[in-house]
Amino acid sequence: MDEPSVQAEGGWQAVLLNFPLIAALIAIVAAQIIKVPIYLVTHRTWNAALGFSTGGMPSSHSAAVTSLAAAIGIRDGFSSSLFAIAAIVSAITMFDAMGIRRHAGIHASILNQWAKSNPNLSQAGQSRGELKELLGHRPSEVLAGAIFGVIVALILHYALAIR
């Protein structure tokens, strides 16, 4: 009995022209880039490092997963199994960003403050440095990322005719 074989249609060119993949990558990169000017406007401070960091407005993870789901829905239909999978993964990712990751950042902030106020702890942890505090997102950041991701998919599909 012959084994079924899986062949790539178009090789790397097909990967590079994959609408859902392109939409997700553009959404995540664009969301990271716009974090810096948004932070400048809202905090009156320039923080270029935010463009390479987790956390902040908008959530690039939310933008990526919703752009992926929207692109799959546009291409394969919103009743397709692929869209259902992408939508569930999107919901889990966004819930996690507001939940576990956000609370880990809050805990890191408390531990950093505690270490600073306790000289013995501060000396022991000097080589390690402070824990990263900006890990998760507020609900507004996740919502903004989700909306941004859908907009990216719609622009790529309708304005640039990428399918």
Protein backbone atom coordinates (compact mmCIF):
# COMPACT_ATOMS: atom_id res chain seq x y z
CA MET A 1 0.00 0.00 0.00
CA ASP A 2 1.41 3.38 -0.96
CA GLU A 3 1.97 5.89 1.80
CA PRO A 4 0.36 9.29 1.23
CA SER A 5 2.92 11.98 0.59
CA VAL A 6 2.74 15.61 1.50
CA GLN A 7 4.18 18.00 -1.03
CA ALA A 8 4.56 21.71 -0.59
CA GLU A 9 2.72 23.67 -3.24
CA GLY A 10 5.12 26.32 -4.45
CA GLY A 11 7.77 25.83 -1.74
CA TRP A 12 9.06 28.97 -0.03
CA GLN A 13 7.18 31.19 -2.43
CA ALA A 14 3.91 29.77 -1.12
CA VAL A 15 5.01 30.42 2.46
CA LEU A 16 5.98 34.00 1.65
CA LEU A 17 2.61 34.59 -0.05
CA ASN A 18 0.52 33.02 2.71
CA PHE A 19 -2.09 35.68 3.53
CA PRO A 20 -2.76 34.67 7.17
CA LEU A 21 0.97 34.42 7.89
CA ILE A 22 1.71 37.79 6.27
CA ALA A 23 -1.18 39.43 8.14
CA ALA A 24 -0.02 38.08 11.51
CA LEU A 25 3.62 39.08 10.97
CA ILE A 26 2.74 42.57 9.76
CA ALA A 27 0.33 43.03 12.68
CA ILE A 28 2.90 42.02 15.31
CA VAL A 29 5.69 44.18 13.83
CA ALA A 30 3.42 47.20 13.29
CA ALA A 31 1.98 46.91 16.82
CA GLN A 32 5.50 46.82 18.29
CA ILE A 33 6.49 49.88 16.24
CA ILE A 34 3.46 51.99 17.23
CA LYS A 35 3.97 51.25 20.94
CA VAL A 36 6.81 53.79 21.05
CA PRO A 37 4.89 56.86 19.76
CA ILE A 38 1.80 55.90 21.77
CA TYR A 39 3.95 55.76 24.92
CA LEU A 40 5.52 59.12 24.00
CA VAL A 41 2.10 60.76 23.69
CA THR A 42 0.65 59.20 26.85
CA HIS A 43 3.72 59.46 29.13
CA ARG A 44 5.65 62.36 27.57
CA THR A 45 8.77 60.18 27.64
CA TRP A 46 10.66 58.53 24.79
CA ASN A 47 11.14 54.79 25.37
CA ALA A 48 12.50 53.13 22.23
CA ALA A 49 13.14 49.89 24.14
CA LEU A 50 9.36 49.41 24.36
CA GLY A 51 9.40 48.51 20.67
CA PHE A 52 11.33 45.35 21.57
CA SER A 53 9.49 44.52 24.78
CA THR A 54 6.38 42.74 25.96
CA GLY A 55 3.52 44.71 27.46
CA GLY A 56 2.30 48.15 26.49
CA MET A 57 -0.32 49.61 24.15
CA PRO A 58 -1.39 47.89 21.92
CA SER A 59 -0.82 44.21 22.64
CA SER A 60 1.20 42.87 19.72
CA HIS A 61 0.33 39.29 20.69
CA SER A 62 -3.38 40.15 20.45
CA ALA A 63 -2.79 41.94 17.15
CA ALA A 64 -0.99 38.92 15.70
CA VAL A 65 -3.52 36.27 16.72
CA THR A 66 -6.59 38.29 15.73
CA SER A 67 -5.02 39.25 12.41
CA LEU A 68 -4.27 35.57 11.82
CA ALA A 69 -7.84 34.56 12.71
CA ALA A 70 -9.37 37.33 10.60
CA ALA A 71 -7.20 36.45 7.59
CA ILE A 72 -8.13 32.78 7.91
CA GLY A 73 -11.80 33.74 8.17
CA ILE A 74 -11.56 35.97 5.10
CA ARG A 75 -9.70 33.34 3.06
CA ASP A 76 -11.29 30.08 4.21
CA GLY A 77 -14.61 31.26 5.61
CA PHE A 78 -15.74 32.10 9.11
CA SER A 79 -17.43 28.70 9.40
CA SER A 80 -14.22 26.79 8.60
CA SER A 81 -12.43 24.57 11.09
CA LEU A 82 -9.24 26.60 10.61
CA PHE A 83 -11.01 29.79 11.66
CA ALA A 84 -12.45 28.02 14.72
CA ILE A 85 -8.97 26.90 15.78
CA ALA A 86 -7.50 30.37 15.21
CA ALA A 87 -10.35 32.05 17.11
CA ILE A 88 -9.92 29.76 20.14
CA VAL A 89 -6.13 30.23 20.17
CA SER A 90 -6.70 33.99 19.93
CA ALA A 91 -9.06 33.97 22.90
CA ILE A 92 -6.64 31.91 25.00
CA THR A 93 -3.70 34.16 24.08
CA MET A 94 -5.58 37.34 24.96
CA PHE A 95 -6.95 35.90 28.20
CA ASP A 96 -3.43 34.83 29.18
CA ALA A 97 -2.02 38.30 28.41
CA MET A 98 -4.55 39.91 30.77
CA GLY A 99 -4.32 37.18 33.39
CA ILE A 100 -1.22 35.18 34.15
CA ARG A 101 1.31 37.43 32.37
CA ARG A 102 -0.15 40.62 33.86
CA HIS A 103 -0.17 39.18 37.37
CA ALA A 104 3.40 37.92 36.97
CA GLY A 105 4.39 41.53 36.18
CA ILE A 106 2.56 42.81 39.26
CA HIS A 107 4.34 40.20 41.40
CA ALA A 108 7.69 41.20 39.89
CA SER A 109 7.02 44.84 40.81
CA ILE A 110 6.22 43.91 44.42
CA LEU A 111 9.31 41.69 44.68
CA ASN A 112 11.52 44.45 43.24
CA GLN A 113 10.16 46.95 45.79
CA TRP A 114 10.61 44.45 48.60
CA ALA A 115 14.22 43.72 47.56
CA LYS A 116 15.02 47.46 47.48
CA SER A 117 13.61 47.97 50.97
CA ASN A 118 15.53 45.03 52.45
CA PRO A 119 19.33 45.64 52.26
CA ASN A 120 20.19 41.96 52.72
CA LEU A 121 17.98 40.95 49.81
CA SER A 122 19.28 43.80 47.65
CA GLN A 123 22.91 42.71 48.09
CA ALA A 124 22.11 39.06 47.39
CA GLY A 125 20.23 39.91 44.20
CA GLN A 126 22.57 42.58 42.80
CA SER A 127 24.15 40.27 40.26
CA ARG A 128 20.73 39.20 38.96
CA GLY A 129 19.19 42.67 38.68
CA GLU A 130 15.54 43.61 38.88
CA LEU A 131 12.77 41.37 37.66
CA LYS A 132 11.02 42.48 34.47
CA GLU A 133 7.72 44.12 35.41
CA LEU A 134 6.09 44.91 32.06
CA LEU A 135 4.93 41.42 31.09
CA GLY A 136 1.18 41.43 30.54
CA HIS A 137 -1.53 43.81 29.45
CA ARG A 138 -4.48 45.75 30.75
CA PRO A 139 -7.78 44.84 29.08
CA SER A 140 -7.71 48.08 27.05
CA GLU A 141 -4.30 47.15 25.59
CA VAL A 142 -5.55 43.69 24.61
CA LEU A 143 -8.71 45.13 23.04
CA ALA A 144 -6.68 47.72 21.11
CA GLY A 145 -4.36 44.98 19.85
CA ALA A 146 -7.30 42.83 18.79
CA ILE A 147 -8.94 45.68 16.87
CA PHE A 148 -5.59 46.62 15.31
CA GLY A 149 -5.05 43.01 14.17
CA VAL A 150 -8.43 42.81 12.45
CA ILE A 151 -7.81 46.17 10.75
CA VAL A 152 -4.43 44.94 9.44
CA ALA A 153 -6.06 41.83 7.93
CA LEU A 154 -8.84 43.90 6.35
CA ILE A 155 -6.41 46.44 4.88
CA LEU A 156 -4.21 43.71 3.43
CA HIS A 157 -7.19 41.93 1.92
CA TYR A 158 -9.30 44.80 0.61
CA ALA A 159 -6.90 47.68 0.01
CA LEU A 160 -3.88 45.67 -1.14
CA ALA A 161 -5.81 42.71 -2.59
CA ILE A 162 -3.70 40.12 -0.75
CA ARG A 163 -5.44 36.76 -0.54
